[in-house]
């Protein structure tokens, strides 16, 4: 799965990182997170100190393990997911073996990044369910959704992006079959607008709340 982390670079438009010391970045990041934590306690984040990047990872499994990338129907499934992602105006990061990766970011309305990603994940879940049923496949999907505020410049952007993708993929790999599992951060930020169930202390996205 490590190779997939390389795919995010061109997507988010961070650009070439400027030279900065790791010690300086750690201090600034710590201070930034303290300020943001107070602001985000009862509300969704803003993009004042960076971009809110939301990530979605979908993994396709059989009872014996990850689906082989050589399965003839896998390409058809990726095309189906491409259409859903495009319709919700998100960005496909790429595919790696049995893994499909999506990201969303918005500099003007930061919370839209995570809301759109959550909404898209619900659409993808329903589409995959129908795809599996129509082809009578013995497979299931696992989902992971995570979000964080990513610095736009400096060494911190690269480190934060790597951490975000690694955590999102870990969530998906350990998720229950057909469950959209969320990081605690994503669950807190989505709570006011989505129905989220706690399963063994793990937040699982169920549906969007009615207006």
Protein backbone atom coordinates (compact mmCIF):
# COMPACT_ATOMS: atom_id res chain seq x y z
CA UNK A 1 0.00 0.00 0.00
CA UNK A 2 3.00 2.33 0.46
CA UNK A 3 3.24 3.03 -3.27
CA UNK A 4 -0.21 4.60 -3.27
CA UNK A 5 0.94 7.44 -1.04
CA UNK A 6 3.00 8.74 -3.97
CA UNK A 7 -0.17 9.45 -5.94
CA UNK A 8 -1.48 12.37 -3.94
CA UNK A 9 1.19 14.91 -4.95
CA UNK A 10 -0.23 16.22 -8.20
CA UNK A 11 -3.80 16.21 -6.89
CA UNK A 12 -3.81 18.72 -4.09
CA UNK A 13 -1.72 21.38 -5.83
CA UNK A 14 0.60 21.86 -2.91
CA UNK A 15 3.55 22.28 -5.29
CA UNK A 16 7.20 22.00 -4.47
CA UNK A 17 7.77 22.28 -0.74
CA UNK A 18 9.84 25.24 0.43
CA UNK A 19 12.90 24.63 2.56
CA UNK A 20 12.08 24.72 6.26
CA UNK A 21 13.51 23.13 9.38
CA UNK A 22 11.61 20.25 10.94
CA UNK A 23 11.86 21.81 14.39
CA UNK A 24 10.30 25.07 13.22
CA UNK A 25 7.49 23.23 11.47
CA UNK A 26 6.70 21.16 14.56
CA UNK A 27 6.37 24.29 16.69
CA UNK A 28 4.15 26.03 14.15
CA UNK A 29 2.04 22.91 13.60
CA UNK A 30 1.55 22.46 17.34
CA UNK A 31 0.47 26.07 17.77
CA UNK A 32 -1.80 25.89 14.73
CA UNK A 33 -3.54 22.79 16.01
CA UNK A 34 -4.13 24.36 19.44
CA UNK A 35 -5.85 27.34 17.85
CA UNK A 36 -7.86 25.18 15.45
CA UNK A 37 -8.94 22.80 18.21
CA UNK A 38 -10.65 25.65 20.03
CA UNK A 39 -12.39 26.86 16.90
CA UNK A 40 -13.48 23.41 15.80
CA UNK A 41 -14.82 22.25 19.15
CA UNK A 42 -18.46 22.80 18.18
CA UNK A 43 -18.24 23.41 14.45
CA UNK A 44 -16.61 22.37 11.20
CA UNK A 45 -13.17 23.75 10.40
CA UNK A 46 -12.24 26.73 8.29
CA UNK A 47 -9.34 27.04 5.86
CA UNK A 48 -7.66 29.92 7.73
CA UNK A 49 -4.43 28.03 8.40
CA UNK A 50 -4.45 25.62 5.48
CA UNK A 51 -6.69 23.44 3.35
CA UNK A 52 -9.07 20.91 4.75
CA UNK A 53 -8.28 17.77 2.76
CA UNK A 54 -10.78 14.92 2.98
CA UNK A 55 -9.77 11.46 1.80
CA UNK A 56 -11.82 8.39 0.91
CA UNK A 57 -10.31 4.94 0.38
CA UNK A 58 -12.36 2.03 -0.99
CA UNK A 59 -10.93 -1.49 -0.88
CA UNK A 60 -12.47 -4.57 -2.52
CA UNK A 61 -12.04 -7.87 -0.70
CA UNK A 62 -13.04 -11.52 -0.87
CA UNK A 63 -13.40 -13.79 2.13
CA UNK A 64 -9.81 -14.89 1.55
CA UNK A 65 -8.22 -11.47 1.19
CA UNK A 66 -7.83 -8.53 -1.19
CA UNK A 67 -9.26 -8.92 -4.68
CA UNK A 68 -6.67 -9.53 -7.39
CA UNK A 69 -6.09 -6.60 -9.72
CA UNK A 70 -6.39 -9.11 -12.61
CA UNK A 71 -10.09 -9.71 -12.05
CA UNK A 72 -11.80 -8.85 -15.39
CA UNK A 73 -14.73 -7.04 -13.74
CA UNK A 74 -12.58 -4.77 -11.57
CA UNK A 75 -12.03 -2.28 -14.36
CA UNK A 76 -15.79 -2.00 -14.88
CA UNK A 77 -16.22 -1.25 -11.17
CA UNK A 78 -13.58 1.48 -11.27
CA UNK A 79 -15.35 3.09 -14.24
CA UNK A 80 -18.60 3.06 -12.26
CA UNK A 81 -16.89 4.76 -9.31
CA UNK A 82 -15.24 7.29 -11.64
CA UNK A 83 -18.68 8.48 -12.76
CA UNK A 84 -19.88 8.93 -9.17
CA UNK A 85 -16.75 10.82 -8.14
CA UNK A 86 -16.98 13.09 -11.16
CA UNK A 87 -20.66 13.78 -10.53
CA UNK A 88 -19.85 14.96 -7.00
CA UNK A 89 -16.95 17.08 -8.32
CA UNK A 90 -14.30 15.28 -6.31
CA UNK A 91 -10.88 14.18 -7.52
CA UNK A 92 -9.81 10.61 -8.14
CA UNK A 93 -6.31 10.15 -6.79
CA UNK A 94 -5.83 6.77 -8.41
CA UNK A 95 -6.14 3.03 -8.04
CA UNK A 96 -3.65 0.56 -6.64
CA UNK A 97 -4.40 -3.16 -6.92
CA UNK A 98 -7.71 -3.53 -5.00
CA UNK A 99 -7.75 0.07 -3.73
CA UNK A 100 -9.58 3.15 -5.07
CA UNK A 101 -8.62 6.58 -3.68
CA UNK A 102 -10.53 9.87 -3.74
CA UNK A 103 -9.82 13.31 -2.29
CA UNK A 104 -11.61 16.62 -1.98
CA UNK A 105 -10.40 20.08 -1.02
CA UNK A 106 -11.92 23.54 -1.22
CA UNK A 107 -10.01 26.68 -0.27
CA UNK A 108 -13.12 28.87 0.01
CA UNK A 109 -15.52 26.62 1.89
CA UNK A 110 -13.39 24.15 3.80
CA UNK A 111 -16.22 22.11 5.29
CA UNK A 112 -17.53 21.25 1.83
CA UNK A 113 -14.49 19.04 1.28
CA UNK A 114 -15.51 16.59 3.98
CA UNK A 115 -19.26 16.84 3.38
CA UNK A 116 -18.86 16.07 -0.32
CA UNK A 117 -16.53 13.17 0.46
CA UNK A 118 -19.00 11.68 2.93
CA UNK A 119 -21.89 12.09 0.50
CA UNK A 120 -19.85 10.50 -2.27
CA UNK A 121 -18.90 7.56 -0.07
CA UNK A 122 -22.60 6.85 0.54
CA UNK A 123 -23.27 6.91 -3.20
CA UNK A 124 -20.32 4.63 -3.88
CA UNK A 125 -21.45 2.20 -1.17
CA UNK A 126 -24.90 1.87 -2.75
CA UNK A 127 -23.47 1.54 -6.28
CA UNK A 128 -21.02 -1.18 -5.26
CA UNK A 129 -23.81 -3.07 -3.49
CA UNK A 130 -25.86 -3.08 -6.69
CA UNK A 131 -22.81 -3.99 -8.80
CA UNK A 132 -22.06 -7.00 -6.60
CA UNK A 133 -25.68 -8.16 -6.64
CA UNK A 134 -26.05 -7.79 -10.41
CA UNK A 135 -22.97 -9.92 -11.08
CA UNK A 136 -23.44 -12.35 -8.20
CA UNK A 137 -19.90 -11.74 -6.97
CA UNK A 138 -18.61 -13.11 -3.69
CA UNK A 139 -16.86 -9.90 -2.65
CA UNK A 140 -17.34 -6.96 -0.30
CA UNK A 141 -16.08 -3.41 0.01
CA UNK A 142 -14.39 -1.69 2.92
CA UNK A 143 -14.31 2.08 3.30
CA UNK A 144 -12.22 4.61 5.19
CA UNK A 145 -12.85 8.36 5.46
CA UNK A 146 -10.49 10.81 7.16
CA UNK A 147 -9.86 14.55 7.06
CA UNK A 148 -7.34 17.02 8.39
CA UNK A 149 -6.15 20.58 7.88
CA UNK A 150 -3.07 20.48 5.65
CA UNK A 151 -0.51 23.31 5.58
CA UNK A 152 -0.19 24.80 2.11
CA UNK A 153 3.57 25.33 2.18
CA UNK A 154 6.66 23.93 3.78
CA UNK A 155 7.81 20.56 4.99
CA UNK A 156 4.61 20.20 6.97
CA UNK A 157 2.51 19.78 3.85
CA UNK A 158 4.36 16.65 2.75
CA UNK A 159 4.36 15.08 6.21
CA UNK A 160 0.70 15.89 6.84
CA UNK A 161 -0.38 14.49 3.46
CA UNK A 162 1.53 11.28 4.02
CA UNK A 163 0.01 10.85 7.48
CA UNK A 164 -3.49 11.55 6.20
CA UNK A 165 -3.31 8.96 3.41
CA UNK A 166 -1.67 6.34 5.62
CA UNK A 167 -4.35 6.73 8.29
CA UNK A 168 -7.18 6.65 5.75
CA UNK A 169 -5.87 3.44 4.21
CA UNK A 170 -5.43 1.86 7.63
CA UNK A 171 -9.05 2.67 8.44
CA UNK A 172 -10.24 1.04 5.22
CA UNK A 173 -8.06 -2.05 5.65
CA UNK A 174 -9.41 -2.64 9.15
CA UNK A 175 -13.02 -1.72 8.39
CA UNK A 176 -15.94 -4.08 8.63
CA UNK A 177 -17.34 -5.40 5.34
CA UNK A 178 -19.55 -2.81 3.61
CA UNK A 179 -19.10 -0.30 6.45
CA UNK A 180 -17.98 3.29 5.87
CA UNK A 181 -15.70 3.76 8.85
CA UNK A 182 -14.59 7.24 9.89
CA UNK A 183 -11.68 8.65 11.79
CA UNK A 184 -12.66 10.33 15.06
CA UNK A 185 -11.86 13.69 13.51
CA UNK A 186 -14.12 13.10 10.52
CA UNK A 187 -16.91 11.80 12.75
CA UNK A 188 -16.80 14.89 14.96
CA UNK A 189 -16.91 17.28 12.02
CA UNK A 190 -19.66 15.36 10.21
CA UNK A 191 -21.80 14.73 13.28
CA UNK A 192 -24.24 17.65 12.88
CA UNK A 193 -25.22 16.67 9.32
CA UNK A 194 -24.90 12.88 9.12
CA UNK A 195 -26.16 9.87 11.06
CA UNK A 196 -23.14 8.14 12.56
CA UNK A 197 -23.29 4.93 14.56
CA UNK A 198 -20.67 3.75 17.03
CA UNK A 199 -19.72 0.11 16.47
CA UNK A 200 -17.16 -1.12 18.98
CA UNK A 201 -16.16 2.53 19.51
CA UNK A 202 -15.56 2.93 15.78
CA UNK A 203 -17.66 5.59 14.02
CA UNK A 204 -19.56 4.27 11.00
CA UNK A 205 -21.31 6.56 8.52
CA UNK A 206 -24.94 5.54 7.95
CA UNK A 207 -26.75 8.31 6.02
CA UNK A 208 -27.09 12.05 5.62
CA UNK A 209 -29.63 13.71 7.90
CA UNK A 210 -32.82 15.02 6.29
CA UNK A 211 -32.97 18.79 5.90
